[in-house]
Amino acid sequence: MEITGTVVEFSDQSGVTKAGKEFKKSQLVIKNNEGYNDAEKFIAFTVLGKSIENFNHAVGDLITVFFDIESREYNGKYYTEAKAWQFRRTAPDSFTAEKSDNPKTITHSPF
């Protein structure tokens, strides 16, 4: 899956597990106007391992994020996470052209 938006935040959340092993984890937050009625929405992604090292974008950059959605069960509840695995800088003009070439048609209420 992929989505295009503007980088809002890229924060390091690396640490040490209870077992004493180090892990690399970051959170990427982007925003775009692809919500209902073009409302601004924010999307948070988990970035793991080598993908952290490959992230070379700054806050305000327009990028395309390639990601997978994964759910897991814990104590009878399901938790969903969007895991980003690749990033590409996007030219602002191509994003505008892409949106106008592919208009969204809503035929029913989302509620």
PDB file of N, CA and C in Angstrom:
ATOM      1  N   MET A   1       0.851  -1.162   0.000  1.00  0.00           N
ATOM      2  CA  MET A   1       0.000   0.000   0.000  1.00  0.00           C
ATOM      3  C   MET A   1       0.900   1.228   0.000  1.00  0.00           C
ATOM      4  N   GLU A   2       0.343   2.330  -0.450  1.00  0.00           N
ATOM      5  CA  GLU A   2       1.101   3.571  -0.451  1.00  0.00           C
ATOM      6  C   GLU A   2       0.170   4.753  -0.218  1.00  0.00           C
ATOM      7  N   ILE A   3       0.753   5.814   0.333  1.00  0.00           N
ATOM      8  CA  ILE A   3       0.011   7.043   0.566  1.00  0.00           C
ATOM      9  C   ILE A   3       1.000   8.199   0.493  1.00  0.00           C
ATOM     10  N   THR A   4       0.539   9.342   0.018  1.00  0.00           N
ATOM     11  CA  THR A   4       1.387  10.523  -0.116  1.00  0.00           C
ATOM     12  C   THR A   4       0.932  11.583   0.872  1.00  0.00           C
ATOM     13  N   GLY A   5       1.898  12.230   1.504  1.00  0.00           N
ATOM     14  CA  GLY A   5       1.581  13.281   2.461  1.00  0.00           C
ATOM     15  C   GLY A   5       2.816  14.050   2.865  1.00  0.00           C
ATOM     16  N   THR A   6       2.627  15.015   3.730  1.00  0.00           N
ATOM     17  CA  THR A   6       3.694  15.882   4.210  1.00  0.00           C
ATOM     18  C   THR A   6       4.199  15.383   5.559  1.00  0.00           C
ATOM     19  N   VAL A   7       5.522  15.301   5.702  1.00  0.00           N
ATOM     20  CA  VAL A   7       6.117  14.837   6.957  1.00  0.00           C
ATOM     21  C   VAL A   7       5.822  15.846   8.061  1.00  0.00           C
ATOM     22  N   VAL A   8       5.247  15.362   9.165  1.00  0.00           N
ATOM     23  CA  VAL A   8       4.952  16.193  10.326  1.00  0.00           C
ATOM     24  C   VAL A   8       5.978  15.932  11.430  1.00  0.00           C
ATOM     25  N   GLU A   9       6.362  14.653  11.584  1.00  0.00           N
ATOM     26  CA  GLU A   9       7.268  14.280  12.674  1.00  0.00           C
ATOM     27  C   GLU A   9       7.962  12.973  12.337  1.00  0.00           C
ATOM     28  N   PHE A  10       9.204  12.854  12.757  1.00  0.00           N
ATOM     29  CA  PHE A  10       9.937  11.593  12.695  1.00  0.00           C
ATOM     30  C   PHE A  10      10.684  11.485  14.007  1.00  0.00           C
ATOM     31  N   SER A  11      10.233  10.611  14.894  1.00  0.00           N
ATOM     32  CA  SER A  11      10.809  10.548  16.230  1.00  0.00           C
ATOM     33  C   SER A  11      11.369   9.164  16.532  1.00  0.00           C
ATOM     34  N   ASP A  12      12.467   9.151  17.248  1.00  0.00           N
ATOM     35  CA  ASP A  12      13.138   7.919  17.638  1.00  0.00           C
ATOM     36  C   ASP A  12      12.491   7.352  18.897  1.00  0.00           C
ATOM     37  N   GLN A  13      12.133   6.083  18.838  1.00  0.00           N
ATOM     38  CA  GLN A  13      11.556   5.413  20.005  1.00  0.00           C
ATOM     39  C   GLN A  13      12.336   4.150  20.327  1.00  0.00           C
ATOM     40  N   SER A  14      13.637   4.122  19.975  1.00  0.00           N
ATOM     41  CA  SER A  14      14.477   2.959  20.229  1.00  0.00           C
ATOM     42  C   SER A  14      14.660   2.773  21.722  1.00  0.00           C
ATOM     43  N   GLY A  15      15.030   1.566  22.100  1.00  0.00           N
ATOM     44  CA  GLY A  15      15.212   1.303  23.514  1.00  0.00           C
ATOM     45  C   GLY A  15      15.745  -0.089  23.763  1.00  0.00           C
ATOM     46  N   VAL A  16      15.470  -0.582  24.968  1.00  0.00           N
ATOM     47  CA  VAL A  16      15.932  -1.900  25.398  1.00  0.00           C
ATOM     48  C   VAL A  16      14.722  -2.686  25.888  1.00  0.00           C
ATOM     49  N   THR A  17      14.616  -3.952  25.462  1.00  0.00           N
ATOM     50  CA  THR A  17      13.508  -4.803  25.898  1.00  0.00           C
ATOM     51  C   THR A  17      13.732  -5.253  27.339  1.00  0.00           C
ATOM     52  N   LYS A  18      12.723  -5.867  27.934  1.00  0.00           N
ATOM     53  CA  LYS A  18      12.861  -6.406  29.286  1.00  0.00           C
ATOM     54  C   LYS A  18      13.942  -7.470  29.345  1.00  0.00           C
ATOM     55  N   ALA A  19      14.167  -8.136  28.215  1.00  0.00           N
ATOM     56  CA  ALA A  19      15.198  -9.173  28.143  1.00  0.00           C
ATOM     57  C   ALA A  19      16.593  -8.575  27.954  1.00  0.00           C
ATOM     58  N   GLY A  20      16.689  -7.252  27.808  1.00  0.00           N
ATOM     59  CA  GLY A  20      17.977  -6.593  27.685  1.00  0.00           C
ATOM     60  C   GLY A  20      18.475  -6.417  26.262  1.00  0.00           C
ATOM     61  N   LYS A  21      17.639  -6.722  25.274  1.00  0.00           N
ATOM     62  CA  LYS A  21      18.040  -6.565  23.875  1.00  0.00           C
ATOM     63  C   LYS A  21      17.661  -5.174  23.374  1.00  0.00           C
ATOM     64  N   GLU A  22      18.590  -4.564  22.619  1.00  0.00           N
ATOM     65  CA  GLU A  22      18.300  -3.259  22.035  1.00  0.00           C
ATOM     66  C   GLU A  22      17.428  -3.429  20.795  1.00  0.00           C
ATOM     67  N   PHE A  23      16.564  -2.441  20.540  1.00  0.00           N
ATOM     68  CA  PHE A  23      15.762  -2.453  19.324  1.00  0.00           C
ATOM     69  C   PHE A  23      15.717  -1.037  18.752  1.00  0.00           C
ATOM     70  N   LYS A  24      15.590  -0.976  17.415  1.00  0.00           N
ATOM     71  CA  LYS A  24      15.471   0.310  16.726  1.00  0.00           C
ATOM     72  C   LYS A  24      14.045   0.447  16.245  1.00  0.00           C
ATOM     73  N   LYS A  25      13.424   1.539  16.648  1.00  0.00           N
ATOM     74  CA  LYS A  25      12.042   1.799  16.265  1.00  0.00           C
ATOM     75  C   LYS A  25      11.849   3.307  16.213  1.00  0.00           C
ATOM     76  N   SER A  26      11.144   3.761  15.196  1.00  0.00           N
ATOM     77  CA  SER A  26      10.828   5.186  15.074  1.00  0.00           C
ATOM     78  C   SER A  26       9.372   5.337  14.675  1.00  0.00           C
ATOM     79  N   GLN A  27       8.858   6.532  14.860  1.00  0.00           N
ATOM     80  CA  GLN A  27       7.493   6.834  14.442  1.00  0.00           C
ATOM     81  C   GLN A  27       7.541   7.963  13.422  1.00  0.00           C
ATOM     82  N   LEU A  28       6.861   7.732  12.297  1.00  0.00           N
ATOM     83  CA  LEU A  28       6.730   8.736  11.242  1.00  0.00           C
ATOM     84  C   LEU A  28       5.273   9.174  11.202  1.00  0.00           C
ATOM     85  N   VAL A  29       5.050  10.478  11.219  1.00  0.00           N
ATOM     86  CA  VAL A  29       3.691  11.015  11.115  1.00  0.00           C
ATOM     87  C   VAL A  29       3.642  11.897   9.875  1.00  0.00           C
ATOM     88  N   ILE A  30       2.652  11.619   9.008  1.00  0.00           N
ATOM     89  CA  ILE A  30       2.436  12.468   7.842  1.00  0.00           C
ATOM     90  C   ILE A  30       1.006  12.996   7.894  1.00  0.00           C
ATOM     91  N   LYS A  31       0.750  14.041   7.116  1.00  0.00           N
ATOM     92  CA  LYS A  31      -0.616  14.546   7.002  1.00  0.00           C
ATOM     93  C   LYS A  31      -0.928  14.736   5.531  1.00  0.00           C
ATOM     94  N   ASN A  32      -2.198  14.584   5.188  1.00  0.00           N
ATOM     95  CA  ASN A  32      -2.660  14.872   3.833  1.00  0.00           C
ATOM     96  C   ASN A  32      -4.126  15.268   3.894  1.00  0.00           C
ATOM     97  N   ASN A  33      -4.690  15.607   2.766  1.00  0.00           N
ATOM     98  CA  ASN A  33      -6.073  16.056   2.707  1.00  0.00           C
ATOM     99  C   ASN A  33      -6.935  15.046   1.963  1.00  0.00           C
ATOM    100  N   GLU A  34      -6.759  13.776   2.255  1.00  0.00           N
ATOM    101  CA  GLU A  34      -7.525  12.739   1.593  1.00  0.00           C
ATOM    102  C   GLU A  34      -8.617  12.172   2.491  1.00  0.00           C
ATOM    103  N   GLY A  35      -8.941  12.865   3.570  1.00  0.00           N
ATOM    104  CA  GLY A  35     -10.019  12.425   4.441  1.00  0.00           C
ATOM    105  C   GLY A  35     -11.378  12.716   3.827  1.00  0.00           C
ATOM    106  N   TYR A  36     -12.421  12.397   4.529  1.00  0.00           N
ATOM    107  CA  TYR A  36     -13.783  12.652   4.075  1.00  0.00           C
ATOM    108  C   TYR A  36     -13.949  14.134   3.790  1.00  0.00           C
ATOM    109  N   ASN A  37     -14.462  14.479   2.636  1.00  0.00           N
ATOM    110  CA  ASN A  37     -14.626  15.871   2.180  1.00  0.00           C
ATOM    111  C   ASN A  37     -13.297  16.630   2.191  1.00  0.00           C
ATOM    112  N   ASP A  38     -12.229  15.926   1.834  1.00  0.00           N
ATOM    113  CA  ASP A  38     -10.880  16.490   1.776  1.00  0.00           C
ATOM    114  C   ASP A  38     -10.401  17.066   3.107  1.00  0.00           C
ATOM    115  N   ALA A  39     -10.888  16.506   4.197  1.00  0.00           N
ATOM    116  CA  ALA A  39     -10.449  16.948   5.520  1.00  0.00           C
ATOM    117  C   ALA A  39      -9.005  16.516   5.748  1.00  0.00           C
ATOM    118  N   GLU A  40      -8.253  17.339   6.451  1.00  0.00           N
ATOM    119  CA  GLU A  40      -6.867  17.002   6.773  1.00  0.00           C
ATOM    120  C   GLU A  40      -6.854  15.831   7.743  1.00  0.00           C
ATOM    121  N   LYS A  41      -5.987  14.839   7.466  1.00  0.00           N
ATOM    122  CA  LYS A  41      -5.869  13.709   8.383  1.00  0.00           C
ATOM    123  C   LYS A  41      -4.400  13.411   8.612  1.00  0.00           C
ATOM    124  N   PHE A  42      -4.119  12.865   9.767  1.00  0.00           N
ATOM    125  CA  PHE A  42      -2.767  12.493  10.159  1.00  0.00           C
ATOM    126  C   PHE A  42      -2.685  10.974  10.201  1.00  0.00           C
ATOM    127  N   ILE A  43      -1.550  10.436   9.738  1.00  0.00           N
ATOM    128  CA  ILE A  43      -1.333   8.998   9.751  1.00  0.00           C
ATOM    129  C   ILE A  43       0.015   8.742  10.414  1.00  0.00           C
ATOM    130  N   ALA A  44       0.034   7.857  11.420  1.00  0.00           N
ATOM    131  CA  ALA A  44       1.265   7.503  12.123  1.00  0.00           C
ATOM    132  C   ALA A  44       1.716   6.123  11.674  1.00  0.00           C
ATOM    133  N   PHE A  45       2.998   5.999  11.351  1.00  0.00           N
ATOM    134  CA  PHE A  45       3.584   4.748  10.912  1.00  0.00           C
ATOM    135  C   PHE A  45       4.689   4.334  11.872  1.00  0.00           C
ATOM    136  N   THR A  46       4.870   3.041  12.029  1.00  0.00           N
ATOM    137  CA  THR A  46       6.017   2.507  12.738  1.00  0.00           C
ATOM    138  C   THR A  46       7.094   2.236  11.704  1.00  0.00           C
ATOM    139  N   VAL A  47       8.315   2.630  12.009  1.00  0.00           N
ATOM    140  CA  VAL A  47       9.444   2.404  11.116  1.00  0.00           C
ATOM    141  C   VAL A  47      10.467   1.583  11.897  1.00  0.00           C
ATOM    142  N   LEU A  48      10.871   0.443  11.328  1.00  0.00           N
ATOM    143  CA  LEU A  48      11.770  -0.469  12.022  1.00  0.00           C
ATOM    144  C   LEU A  48      13.066  -0.698  11.244  1.00  0.00           C
ATOM    145  N   GLY A  49      14.117  -1.059  11.964  1.00  0.00           N
ATOM    146  CA  GLY A  49      15.366  -1.538  11.378  1.00  0.00           C
ATOM    147  C   GLY A  49      16.000  -0.651  10.334  1.00  0.00           C
ATOM    148  N   LYS A  50      16.364  -1.261   9.190  1.00  0.00           N
ATOM    149  CA  LYS A  50      17.071  -0.561   8.107  1.00  0.00           C
ATOM    150  C   LYS A  50      16.271   0.598   7.534  1.00  0.00           C
ATOM    151  N   SER A  51      14.954   0.534   7.606  1.00  0.00           N
ATOM    152  CA  SER A  51      14.128   1.622   7.065  1.00  0.00           C
ATOM    153  C   SER A  51      14.405   2.935   7.793  1.00  0.00           C
ATOM    154  N   ILE A  52      14.805   2.863   9.065  1.00  0.00           N
ATOM    155  CA  ILE A  52      15.137   4.067   9.822  1.00  0.00           C
ATOM    156  C   ILE A  52      16.363   4.730   9.204  1.00  0.00           C
ATOM    157  N   GLU A  53      17.355   3.910   8.878  1.00  0.00           N
ATOM    158  CA  GLU A  53      18.589   4.436   8.295  1.00  0.00           C
ATOM    159  C   GLU A  53      18.347   5.025   6.907  1.00  0.00           C
ATOM    160  N   ASN A  54      17.358   4.505   6.186  1.00  0.00           N
ATOM    161  CA  ASN A  54      17.058   4.975   4.830  1.00  0.00           C
ATOM    162  C   ASN A  54      16.183   6.227   4.808  1.00  0.00           C
ATOM    163  N   PHE A  55      15.698   6.671   5.964  1.00  0.00           N
ATOM    164  CA  PHE A  55      14.820   7.839   6.010  1.00  0.00           C
ATOM    165  C   PHE A  55      15.680   9.097   6.003  1.00  0.00           C
ATOM    166  N   ASN A  56      15.632   9.863   4.909  1.00  0.00           N
ATOM    167  CA  ASN A  56      16.455  11.079   4.802  1.00  0.00           C
ATOM    168  C   ASN A  56      15.590  12.272   4.399  1.00  0.00           C
ATOM    169  N   HIS A  57      14.455  12.420   5.029  1.00  0.00           N
ATOM    170  CA  HIS A  57      13.529  13.501   4.713  1.00  0.00           C
ATOM    171  C   HIS A  57      13.354  14.393   5.940  1.00  0.00           C
ATOM    172  N   ALA A  58      12.963  15.624   5.695  1.00  0.00           N
ATOM    173  CA  ALA A  58      12.782  16.589   6.778  1.00  0.00           C
ATOM    174  C   ALA A  58      11.302  16.914   6.955  1.00  0.00           C
ATOM    175  N   VAL A  59      10.980  17.478   8.100  1.00  0.00           N
ATOM    176  CA  VAL A  59       9.616  17.932   8.357  1.00  0.00           C
ATOM    177  C   VAL A  59       9.244  18.925   7.260  1.00  0.00           C
ATOM    178  N   GLY A  60       8.059  18.742   6.681  1.00  0.00           N
ATOM    179  CA  GLY A  60       7.592  19.602   5.613  1.00  0.00           C
ATOM    180  C   GLY A  60       7.773  19.016   4.221  1.00  0.00           C
ATOM    181  N   ASP A  61       8.602  17.962   4.094  1.00  0.00           N
ATOM    182  CA  ASP A  61       8.805  17.321   2.787  1.00  0.00           C
ATOM    183  C   ASP A  61       7.555  16.557   2.385  1.00  0.00           C
ATOM    184  N   LEU A  62       7.243  16.576   1.090  1.00  0.00           N
ATOM    185  CA  LEU A  62       6.145  15.797   0.542  1.00  0.00           C
ATOM    186  C   LEU A  62       6.716  14.456   0.099  1.00  0.00           C
ATOM    187  N   ILE A  63       6.239  13.361   0.697  1.00  0.00           N
ATOM    188  CA  ILE A  63       6.780  12.035   0.397  1.00  0.00           C
ATOM    189  C   ILE A  63       5.651  11.041   0.147  1.00  0.00           C
ATOM    190  N   THR A  64       6.011   9.947  -0.511  1.00  0.00           N
ATOM    191  CA  THR A  64       5.119   8.805  -0.645  1.00  0.00           C
ATOM    192  C   THR A  64       5.655   7.721   0.281  1.00  0.00           C
ATOM    193  N   VAL A  65       4.785   7.173   1.118  1.00  0.00           N
ATOM    194  CA  VAL A  65       5.164   6.135   2.078  1.00  0.00           C
ATOM    195  C   VAL A  65       4.564   4.819   1.606  1.00  0.00           C
ATOM    196  N   PHE A  66       5.412   3.803   1.513  1.00  0.00           N
ATOM    197  CA  PHE A  66       4.967   2.452   1.192  1.00  0.00           C
ATOM    198  C   PHE A  66       4.913   1.691   2.505  1.00  0.00           C
ATOM    199  N   PHE A  67       3.797   1.009   2.761  1.00  0.00           N
ATOM    200  CA  PHE A  67       3.609   0.410   4.080  1.00  0.00           C
ATOM    201  C   PHE A  67       2.739  -0.835   4.004  1.00  0.00           C
ATOM    202  N   ASP A  68       2.762  -1.600   5.084  1.00  0.00           N
ATOM    203  CA  ASP A  68       1.897  -2.756   5.280  1.00  0.00           C
ATOM    204  C   ASP A  68       1.089  -2.523   6.549  1.00  0.00           C
ATOM    205  N   ILE A  69      -0.111  -3.054   6.574  1.00  0.00           N
ATOM    206  CA  ILE A  69      -0.945  -2.977   7.776  1.00  0.00           C
ATOM    207  C   ILE A  69      -0.966  -4.359   8.408  1.00  0.00           C
ATOM    208  N   GLU A  70      -0.736  -4.393   9.694  1.00  0.00           N
ATOM    209  CA  GLU A  70      -0.670  -5.664  10.409  1.00  0.00           C
ATOM    210  C   GLU A  70      -1.472  -5.564  11.704  1.00  0.00           C
ATOM    211  N   SER A  71      -2.256  -6.598  11.989  1.00  0.00           N
ATOM    212  CA  SER A  71      -3.007  -6.662  13.254  1.00  0.00           C
ATOM    213  C   SER A  71      -2.539  -7.880  14.025  1.00  0.00           C
ATOM    214  N   ARG A  72      -2.572  -7.769  15.340  1.00  0.00           N
ATOM    215  CA  ARG A  72      -2.222  -8.909  16.191  1.00  0.00           C
ATOM    216  C   ARG A  72      -3.126  -8.917  17.409  1.00  0.00           C
ATOM    217  N   GLU A  73      -3.306 -10.095  17.948  1.00  0.00           N
ATOM    218  CA  GLU A  73      -4.187 -10.276  19.098  1.00  0.00           C
ATOM    219  C   GLU A  73      -3.354 -10.292  20.370  1.00  0.00           C
ATOM    220  N   TYR A  74      -3.839  -9.613  21.400  1.00  0.00           N
ATOM    221  CA  TYR A  74      -3.207  -9.627  22.712  1.00  0.00           C
ATOM    222  C   TYR A  74      -4.308  -9.543  23.764  1.00  0.00           C
ATOM    223  N   ASN A  75      -4.398 -10.556  24.595  1.00  0.00           N
ATOM    224  CA  ASN A  75      -5.402 -10.617  25.663  1.00  0.00           C
ATOM    225  C   ASN A  75      -6.826 -10.417  25.147  1.00  0.00           C
ATOM    226  N   GLY A  76      -7.130 -11.037  24.013  1.00  0.00           N
ATOM    227  CA  GLY A  76      -8.480 -10.983  23.477  1.00  0.00           C
ATOM    228  C   GLY A  76      -8.832  -9.723  22.705  1.00  0.00           C
ATOM    229  N   LYS A  77      -7.876  -8.820  22.526  1.00  0.00           N
ATOM    230  CA  LYS A  77      -8.112  -7.594  21.761  1.00  0.00           C
ATOM    231  C   LYS A  77      -7.144  -7.556  20.594  1.00  0.00           C
ATOM    232  N   TYR A  78      -7.559  -6.918  19.500  1.00  0.00           N
ATOM    233  CA  TYR A  78      -6.708  -6.795  18.328  1.00  0.00           C
ATOM    234  C   TYR A  78      -6.155  -5.383  18.226  1.00  0.00           C
ATOM    235  N   TYR A  79      -4.881  -5.314  17.896  1.00  0.00           N
ATOM    236  CA  TYR A  79      -4.182  -4.047  17.745  1.00  0.00           C
ATOM    237  C   TYR A  79      -3.627  -3.969  16.321  1.00  0.00           C
ATOM    238  N   THR A  80      -3.835  -2.841  15.670  1.00  0.00           N
ATOM    239  CA  THR A  80      -3.427  -2.669  14.283  1.00  0.00           C
ATOM    240  C   THR A  80      -2.314  -1.638  14.192  1.00  0.00           C
ATOM    241  N   GLU A  81      -1.361  -1.913  13.315  1.00  0.00           N
ATOM    242  CA  GLU A  81      -0.197  -1.051  13.165  1.00  0.00           C
ATOM    243  C   GLU A  81       0.126  -0.904  11.678  1.00  0.00           C
ATOM    244  N   ALA A  82       0.465   0.303  11.259  1.00  0.00           N
ATOM    245  CA  ALA A  82       0.911   0.556   9.895  1.00  0.00           C
ATOM    246  C   ALA A  82       2.439   0.621   9.926  1.00  0.00           C
ATOM    247  N   LYS A  83       3.093  -0.330   9.230  1.00  0.00           N
ATOM    248  CA  LYS A  83       4.554  -0.402   9.237  1.00  0.00           C
ATOM    249  C   LYS A  83       5.108   0.086   7.897  1.00  0.00           C
ATOM    250  N   ALA A  84       5.828   1.213   7.951  1.00  0.00           N
ATOM    251  CA  ALA A  84       6.423   1.793   6.741  1.00  0.00           C
ATOM    252  C   ALA A  84       7.710   1.062   6.408  1.00  0.00           C
ATOM    253  N   TRP A  85       7.924   0.795   5.125  1.00  0.00           N
ATOM    254  CA  TRP A  85       9.140   0.087   4.722  1.00  0.00           C
ATOM    255  C   TRP A  85       9.906   0.784   3.613  1.00  0.00           C
ATOM    256  N   GLN A  86       9.319   1.819   2.984  1.00  0.00           N
ATOM    257  CA  GLN A  86      10.037   2.575   1.960  1.00  0.00           C
ATOM    258  C   GLN A  86       9.446   3.974   1.860  1.00  0.00           C
ATOM    259  N   PHE A  87      10.298   4.939   1.460  1.00  0.00           N
ATOM    260  CA  PHE A  87       9.886   6.337   1.347  1.00  0.00           C
ATOM    261  C   PHE A  87      10.451   6.909   0.058  1.00  0.00           C
ATOM    262  N   ARG A  88       9.660   7.755  -0.610  1.00  0.00           N
ATOM    263  CA  ARG A  88      10.120   8.452  -1.816  1.00  0.00           C
ATOM    264  C   ARG A  88       9.684   9.901  -1.757  1.00  0.00           C
ATOM    265  N   ARG A  89      10.611  10.786  -2.098  1.00  0.00           N
ATOM    266  CA  ARG A  89      10.270  12.210  -2.180  1.00  0.00           C
ATOM    267  C   ARG A  89       9.330  12.395  -3.363  1.00  0.00           C
ATOM    268  N   THR A  90       8.300  13.202  -3.198  1.00  0.00           N
ATOM    269  CA  THR A  90       7.309  13.440  -4.231  1.00  0.00           C
ATOM    270  C   THR A  90       7.312  14.912  -4.583  1.00  0.00           C
ATOM    271  N   ALA A  91       7.290  15.194  -5.874  1.00  0.00           N
ATOM    272  CA  ALA A  91       7.220  16.588  -6.312  1.00  0.00           C
ATOM    273  C   ALA A  91       5.812  17.109  -6.055  1.00  0.00           C
ATOM    274  N   PRO A  92       5.662  18.324  -5.495  1.00  0.00           N
ATOM    275  CA  PRO A  92       4.330  18.865  -5.203  1.00  0.00           C
ATOM    276  C   PRO A  92       3.412  18.901  -6.422  1.00  0.00           C
ATOM    277  N   ASP A  93       3.947  19.189  -7.612  1.00  0.00           N
ATOM    278  CA  ASP A  93       3.132  19.256  -8.821  1.00  0.00           C
ATOM    279  C   ASP A  93       2.565  17.898  -9.197  1.00  0.00           C
ATOM    280  N   SER A  94       3.366  16.831  -9.038  1.00  0.00           N
ATOM    281  CA  SER A  94       2.885  15.503  -9.416  1.00  0.00           C
ATOM    282  C   SER A  94       1.794  15.032  -8.461  1.00  0.00           C
ATOM    283  N   PHE A  95       1.878  15.427  -7.187  1.00  0.00           N
ATOM    284  CA  PHE A  95       0.847  15.042  -6.215  1.00  0.00           C
ATOM    285  C   PHE A  95      -0.470  15.724  -6.572  1.00  0.00           C
ATOM    286  N   THR A  96      -0.437  17.004  -6.936  1.00  0.00           N
ATOM    287  CA  THR A  96      -1.649  17.734  -7.307  1.00  0.00           C
ATOM    288  C   THR A  96      -2.257  17.141  -8.572  1.00  0.00           C
ATOM    289  N   ALA A  97      -1.417  16.839  -9.556  1.00  0.00           N
ATOM    290  CA  ALA A  97      -1.910  16.259 -10.807  1.00  0.00           C
ATOM    291  C   ALA A  97      -2.508  14.880 -10.557  1.00  0.00           C
ATOM    292  N   GLU A  98      -1.868  14.100  -9.698  1.00  0.00           N
ATOM    293  CA  GLU A  98      -2.370  12.756  -9.389  1.00  0.00           C
ATOM    294  C   GLU A  98      -3.744  12.831  -8.735  1.00  0.00           C
ATOM    295  N   LYS A  99      -3.935  13.769  -7.812  1.00  0.00           N
ATOM    296  CA  LYS A  99      -5.229  13.902  -7.146  1.00  0.00           C
ATOM    297  C   LYS A  99      -6.309  14.330  -8.131  1.00  0.00           C
ATOM    298  N   SER A 100      -6.008  15.257  -9.043  1.00  0.00           N
ATOM    299  CA  SER A 100      -7.029  15.744  -9.961  1.00  0.00           C
ATOM    300  C   SER A 100      -7.356  14.714 -11.041  1.00  0.00           C
ATOM    301  N   ASP A 101      -6.391  13.835 -11.377  1.00  0.00           N
ATOM    302  CA  ASP A 101      -6.635  12.790 -12.369  1.00  0.00           C
ATOM    303  C   ASP A 101      -7.473  11.648 -11.808  1.00  0.00           C
ATOM    304  N   ASN A 102      -7.454  11.479 -10.501  1.00  0.00           N
ATOM    305  CA  ASN A 102      -8.171  10.378  -9.858  1.00  0.00           C
ATOM    306  C   ASN A 102      -9.140  10.909  -8.808  1.00  0.00           C
ATOM    307  N   PRO A 103     -10.212  11.591  -9.212  1.00  0.00           N
ATOM    308  CA  PRO A 103     -11.129  12.132  -8.203  1.00  0.00           C
ATOM    309  C   PRO A 103     -11.852  11.007  -7.469  1.00  0.00           C
ATOM    310  N   LYS A 104     -12.123  11.243  -6.200  1.00  0.00           N
ATOM    311  CA  LYS A 104     -12.865  10.268  -5.402  1.00  0.00           C
ATOM    312  C   LYS A 104     -14.349  10.510  -5.590  1.00  0.00           C
ATOM    313  N   THR A 105     -15.068   9.453  -5.816  1.00  0.00           N
ATOM    314  CA  THR A 105     -16.516   9.549  -5.948  1.00  0.00           C
ATOM    315  C   THR A 105     -17.133   8.820  -4.774  1.00  0.00           C
ATOM    316  N   ILE A 106     -17.900   9.532  -3.996  1.00  0.00           N
ATOM    317  CA  ILE A 106     -18.568   8.921  -2.848  1.00  0.00           C
ATOM    318  C   ILE A 106     -20.034   8.764  -3.198  1.00  0.00           C
ATOM    319  N   THR A 107     -20.486   7.527  -3.222  1.00  0.00           N
ATOM    320  CA  THR A 107     -21.868   7.264  -3.621  1.00  0.00           C
ATOM    321  C   THR A 107     -22.781   7.033  -2.431  1.00  0.00           C
ATOM    322  N   HIS A 108     -22.189   6.902  -1.243  1.00  0.00           N
ATOM    323  CA  HIS A 108     -22.991   6.698  -0.044  1.00  0.00           C
ATOM    324  C   HIS A 108     -22.290   7.319   1.153  1.00  0.00           C
ATOM    325  N   SER A 109     -23.020   7.544   2.190  1.00  0.00           N
ATOM    326  CA  SER A 109     -22.478   8.124   3.399  1.00  0.00           C
ATOM    327  C   SER A 109     -21.565   7.102   4.088  1.00  0.00           C
ATOM    328  N   PRO A 110     -20.399   7.545   4.625  1.00  0.00           N
ATOM    329  CA  PRO A 110     -19.534   6.604   5.301  1.00  0.00           C
ATOM    330  C   PRO A 110     -20.026   6.229   6.701  1.00  0.00           C
ATOM    331  N   PHE A 111     -21.147   6.786   7.127  1.00  0.00           N
ATOM    332  CA  PHE A 111     -21.641   6.502   8.482  1.00  0.00           C
ATOM    333  C   PHE A 111     -22.845   5.620   8.462  1.00  0.00           C
TER     334      PHE A 111
END
